[in-house]
Amino acid sequence: ARILRFEAELIGFSTHFTILDNDDSKSMIKRIIQDFKLDKEIYKPNAIFSKISLLKNNLISPKKYEGDYELQKIDNKKNQPKFYLIYKNYVERCKKNGNMDFDDLLVNTLNLLKESPKTLLKYQDIFKYILIDEFQDTNILQLEIIKILAEKNNNLCVVGDDSQSIYSFRGANINNILNFNNLYPKAKVFKLEENYRSSKNILDAANSLISY
């Protein structure tokens, strides 16, 4: 958000953009559903909002969605053939009104860094050392931002535990941590395997669950 407050004009937004909370976003989606005279029992605003959020976090824009026959086939099976129109309209209204939802803060930061090499260089020089905590809970969009920011200096440290990944329903991608060494083959791995906080009973119970 802080970066975009300085740089948003480079991607066609005012630096005085409004950040929508989830309720604001759902209200806008509800209005779009009403404007298109769609059945709100089929196109439930909460579910539509969650789906849009998941798409953004997986780097699937309305344009990319429009060209994906498989995604549209799923919509037809779910009796939601107009989902694309809602998604496209939501993104267009946000931009026209100078709004960004929480996912847009990530999407637009990535767009900014990709579209403006000069701006990318500026922030690569500011963030010479990058530390990401709870790396197992990052999504594809966040990983792309991390990769592009760390590209110049290659000083990246991530902390995480693949056994503690619990946010896949929110778009977290376990492959980010599992494939980290493939992305950065020269990375050093430090395993912290001693637990000083939990009793043996708790550790045994936790490890037995992790095995499943």
Protein backbone atom coordinates (compact mmCIF):
# COMPACT_ATOMS: atom_id res chain seq x y z
CA ALA A 1 0.00 0.00 0.00
CA ARG A 2 2.83 2.40 0.87
CA ILE A 3 4.60 1.76 -2.45
CA LEU A 4 1.37 2.34 -4.39
CA ARG A 5 0.67 5.57 -2.51
CA PHE A 6 3.84 6.89 -4.19
CA GLU A 7 3.76 5.09 -7.54
CA ALA A 8 0.14 4.23 -8.48
CA GLU A 9 -0.03 6.86 -11.23
CA LEU A 10 2.44 4.78 -13.25
CA ILE A 11 -0.25 2.09 -13.64
CA GLY A 12 -3.19 4.41 -14.20
CA PHE A 13 -4.43 4.90 -10.62
CA SER A 14 -4.51 8.03 -8.48
CA THR A 15 -2.15 7.89 -5.49
CA HIS A 16 -5.25 8.82 -3.44
CA PHE A 17 -6.95 5.50 -4.21
CA THR A 18 -9.40 4.08 -1.65
CA ILE A 19 -8.72 0.68 -0.10
CA LEU A 20 -11.88 -1.44 0.02
CA ASP A 21 -12.37 -3.80 2.94
CA ASN A 22 -14.08 -7.15 2.30
CA ASP A 23 -17.55 -5.81 3.14
CA ASP A 24 -17.10 -2.95 0.64
CA SER A 25 -16.07 -5.45 -2.05
CA LYS A 26 -19.04 -7.71 -1.36
CA SER A 27 -21.42 -4.73 -1.52
CA MET A 28 -20.04 -3.78 -4.93
CA ILE A 29 -20.41 -7.37 -6.17
CA LYS A 30 -23.98 -7.42 -4.84
CA ARG A 31 -24.77 -4.25 -6.86
CA ILE A 32 -23.23 -5.78 -10.00
CA ILE A 33 -25.38 -8.91 -9.56
CA GLN A 34 -28.46 -6.68 -9.23
CA ASP A 35 -27.46 -4.58 -12.25
CA PHE A 36 -27.17 -7.70 -14.41
CA LYS A 37 -30.49 -8.97 -12.93
CA LEU A 38 -28.87 -12.25 -11.89
CA ASP A 39 -30.25 -14.68 -9.31
CA LYS A 40 -28.50 -13.91 -6.02
CA GLU A 41 -29.18 -17.47 -4.86
CA ILE A 42 -27.05 -18.77 -7.74
CA TYR A 43 -24.55 -15.91 -7.71
CA LYS A 44 -24.01 -15.53 -3.96
CA PRO A 45 -21.93 -12.38 -3.30
CA ASN A 46 -19.73 -13.99 -0.62
CA ALA A 47 -18.88 -16.97 -2.83
CA ILE A 48 -18.29 -14.75 -5.88
CA PHE A 49 -15.97 -12.50 -3.86
CA SER A 50 -13.99 -15.51 -2.57
CA LYS A 51 -13.63 -16.87 -6.09
CA ILE A 52 -12.43 -13.50 -7.45
CA SER A 53 -9.90 -13.28 -4.61
CA LEU A 54 -8.59 -16.78 -5.36
CA LEU A 55 -8.27 -15.97 -9.07
CA LYS A 56 -6.30 -12.79 -8.38
CA ASN A 57 -3.97 -14.63 -6.03
CA ASN A 58 -3.35 -17.20 -8.76
CA LEU A 59 -2.57 -14.47 -11.33
CA ILE A 60 -5.74 -15.09 -13.37
CA SER A 61 -6.98 -11.70 -14.60
CA PRO A 62 -10.39 -11.23 -16.28
CA LYS A 63 -8.62 -11.23 -19.66
CA LYS A 64 -6.85 -14.51 -18.87
CA TYR A 65 -10.10 -15.93 -17.49
CA GLU A 66 -11.95 -15.04 -20.69
CA GLY A 67 -9.50 -17.10 -22.73
CA ASP A 68 -9.66 -20.16 -20.46
CA TYR A 69 -12.24 -22.58 -21.82
CA GLU A 70 -11.85 -25.00 -18.88
CA LEU A 71 -12.74 -22.36 -16.29
CA GLN A 72 -15.79 -21.31 -18.28
CA LYS A 73 -16.86 -24.95 -18.60
CA ILE A 74 -16.79 -25.23 -14.79
CA ASP A 75 -18.94 -22.07 -14.56
CA ASN A 76 -21.50 -23.59 -16.92
CA LYS A 77 -21.62 -26.79 -14.86
CA LYS A 78 -22.23 -24.71 -11.73
CA ASN A 79 -24.97 -22.80 -13.56
CA GLN A 80 -22.92 -19.59 -13.32
CA PRO A 81 -22.23 -18.70 -16.98
CA LYS A 82 -22.20 -14.96 -16.15
CA PHE A 83 -19.42 -15.17 -13.55
CA TYR A 84 -16.89 -13.74 -16.02
CA LEU A 85 -19.08 -10.66 -16.56
CA ILE A 86 -19.23 -10.05 -12.79
CA TYR A 87 -15.45 -10.45 -12.43
CA LYS A 88 -14.70 -8.16 -15.39
CA ASN A 89 -17.21 -5.55 -14.24
CA TYR A 90 -15.91 -5.62 -10.67
CA VAL A 91 -12.32 -4.97 -11.81
CA GLU A 92 -13.44 -2.20 -14.18
CA ARG A 93 -15.55 -0.46 -11.52
CA CYS A 94 -12.72 -0.61 -9.00
CA LYS A 95 -10.36 1.09 -11.44
CA LYS A 96 -12.94 3.67 -12.58
CA ASN A 97 -13.77 4.59 -8.97
CA GLY A 98 -10.13 4.64 -7.84
CA ASN A 99 -10.61 1.63 -5.55
CA MET A 100 -8.34 -1.28 -4.67
CA ASP A 101 -9.30 -4.29 -2.58
CA PHE A 102 -6.71 -6.12 -0.48
CA ASP A 103 -5.79 -8.47 -3.35
CA ASP A 104 -5.39 -5.51 -5.71
CA LEU A 105 -2.65 -4.12 -3.46
CA LEU A 106 -0.62 -7.21 -4.39
CA VAL A 107 -1.77 -7.44 -8.03
CA ASN A 108 -1.04 -3.78 -8.71
CA THR A 109 2.31 -3.84 -6.93
CA LEU A 110 3.38 -6.74 -9.15
CA ASN A 111 2.05 -4.94 -12.26
CA LEU A 112 3.95 -1.82 -11.25
CA LEU A 113 7.24 -3.68 -10.78
CA LYS A 114 6.82 -5.50 -14.10
CA GLU A 115 5.75 -2.47 -16.14
CA SER A 116 8.25 0.07 -14.79
CA PRO A 117 11.88 -1.17 -14.83
CA LYS A 118 13.03 2.09 -13.26
CA THR A 119 10.61 1.66 -10.33
CA LEU A 120 11.64 -1.98 -9.93
CA LEU A 121 15.30 -0.97 -9.71
CA LYS A 122 14.43 1.68 -7.12
CA TYR A 123 12.74 -0.84 -4.80
CA GLN A 124 15.34 -3.54 -5.40
CA ASP A 125 17.87 -1.01 -4.08
CA ILE A 126 15.67 -0.16 -1.09
CA PHE A 127 14.98 -3.81 -0.19
CA LYS A 128 18.53 -5.20 -0.42
CA TYR A 129 17.78 -7.91 2.16
CA ILE A 130 14.42 -9.64 2.26
CA LEU A 131 13.05 -11.88 5.03
CA ILE A 132 9.73 -13.67 4.59
CA ASP A 133 8.17 -15.30 7.65
CA GLU A 134 5.53 -18.09 7.52
CA PHE A 135 6.62 -18.82 3.96
CA GLN A 136 4.40 -21.90 3.77
CA ASP A 137 1.38 -19.56 3.80
CA THR A 138 2.39 -17.46 0.78
CA ASN A 139 0.48 -17.69 -2.49
CA ILE A 140 1.58 -17.59 -6.15
CA LEU A 141 1.07 -13.82 -6.44
CA GLN A 142 3.15 -13.10 -3.33
CA LEU A 143 5.90 -15.40 -4.58
CA GLU A 144 6.09 -13.48 -7.87
CA ILE A 145 6.55 -10.20 -5.96
CA ILE A 146 9.24 -11.78 -3.77
CA LYS A 147 11.09 -13.20 -6.79
CA ILE A 148 11.12 -9.94 -8.75
CA LEU A 149 12.21 -7.86 -5.74
CA ALA A 150 15.01 -10.28 -4.79
CA GLU A 151 16.23 -10.74 -8.37
CA LYS A 152 18.96 -8.09 -8.29
CA ASN A 153 20.66 -8.68 -4.92
CA ASN A 154 19.72 -12.33 -4.31
CA ASN A 155 19.65 -11.78 -0.54
CA LEU A 156 16.53 -13.71 0.37
CA CYS A 157 15.79 -15.57 3.60
CA VAL A 158 12.54 -17.43 4.15
CA VAL A 159 11.32 -19.04 7.35
CA GLY A 160 8.62 -21.68 7.32
CA ASP A 161 7.43 -25.20 8.02
CA ASP A 162 5.66 -27.24 5.34
CA SER A 163 3.90 -29.19 8.12
CA GLN A 164 2.14 -26.02 9.25
CA SER A 165 0.49 -25.05 5.97
CA ILE A 166 -3.17 -24.45 6.84
CA TYR A 167 -4.28 -21.66 4.49
CA SER A 168 -4.75 -23.44 1.16
CA PHE A 169 -8.45 -22.46 1.31
CA ARG A 170 -7.25 -18.84 1.17
CA GLY A 171 -4.91 -19.40 -1.76
CA ALA A 172 -1.70 -20.37 0.05
CA ASN A 173 0.43 -22.66 -2.12
CA ILE A 174 2.48 -25.32 -0.31
CA ASN A 175 4.66 -25.69 -3.43
CA ASN A 176 6.24 -22.30 -2.70
CA ILE A 177 8.18 -23.78 0.22
CA LEU A 178 8.55 -27.29 -1.23
CA ASN A 179 10.11 -25.95 -4.43
CA PHE A 180 12.20 -23.19 -2.85
CA ASN A 181 15.46 -25.05 -3.45
CA ASN A 182 14.58 -25.58 -7.11
CA LEU A 183 14.02 -21.83 -7.48
CA TYR A 184 17.20 -20.99 -5.55
CA PRO A 185 19.60 -23.97 -5.88
CA LYS A 186 22.39 -22.11 -4.03
CA ALA A 187 20.23 -21.45 -0.98
CA LYS A 188 21.48 -22.80 2.35
CA VAL A 189 18.97 -24.69 4.48
CA PHE A 190 19.05 -24.53 8.27
CA LYS A 191 16.73 -27.05 9.92
CA LEU A 192 15.46 -26.13 13.37
CA GLU A 193 14.39 -29.52 14.65
CA GLU A 194 14.61 -29.08 18.40
CA ASN A 195 11.40 -27.96 20.08
CA TYR A 196 11.96 -26.14 23.36
CA ARG A 197 8.36 -25.11 23.86
CA SER A 198 6.22 -28.26 23.90
CA SER A 199 6.14 -31.36 26.06
CA LYS A 200 6.82 -34.84 24.65
CA ASN A 201 3.10 -35.71 24.72
CA ILE A 202 2.23 -32.68 22.61
CA LEU A 203 5.07 -33.40 20.15
CA ASP A 204 4.05 -37.06 19.80
CA ALA A 205 0.43 -36.07 19.16
CA ALA A 206 1.43 -33.39 16.63
CA ASN A 207 3.85 -35.66 14.76
CA SER A 208 1.29 -38.46 14.58
CA LEU A 209 -1.18 -36.02 12.97
CA ILE A 210 1.45 -34.65 10.57
CA SER A 211 2.15 -38.19 9.33
CA TYR A 212 -1.40 -38.21 7.92
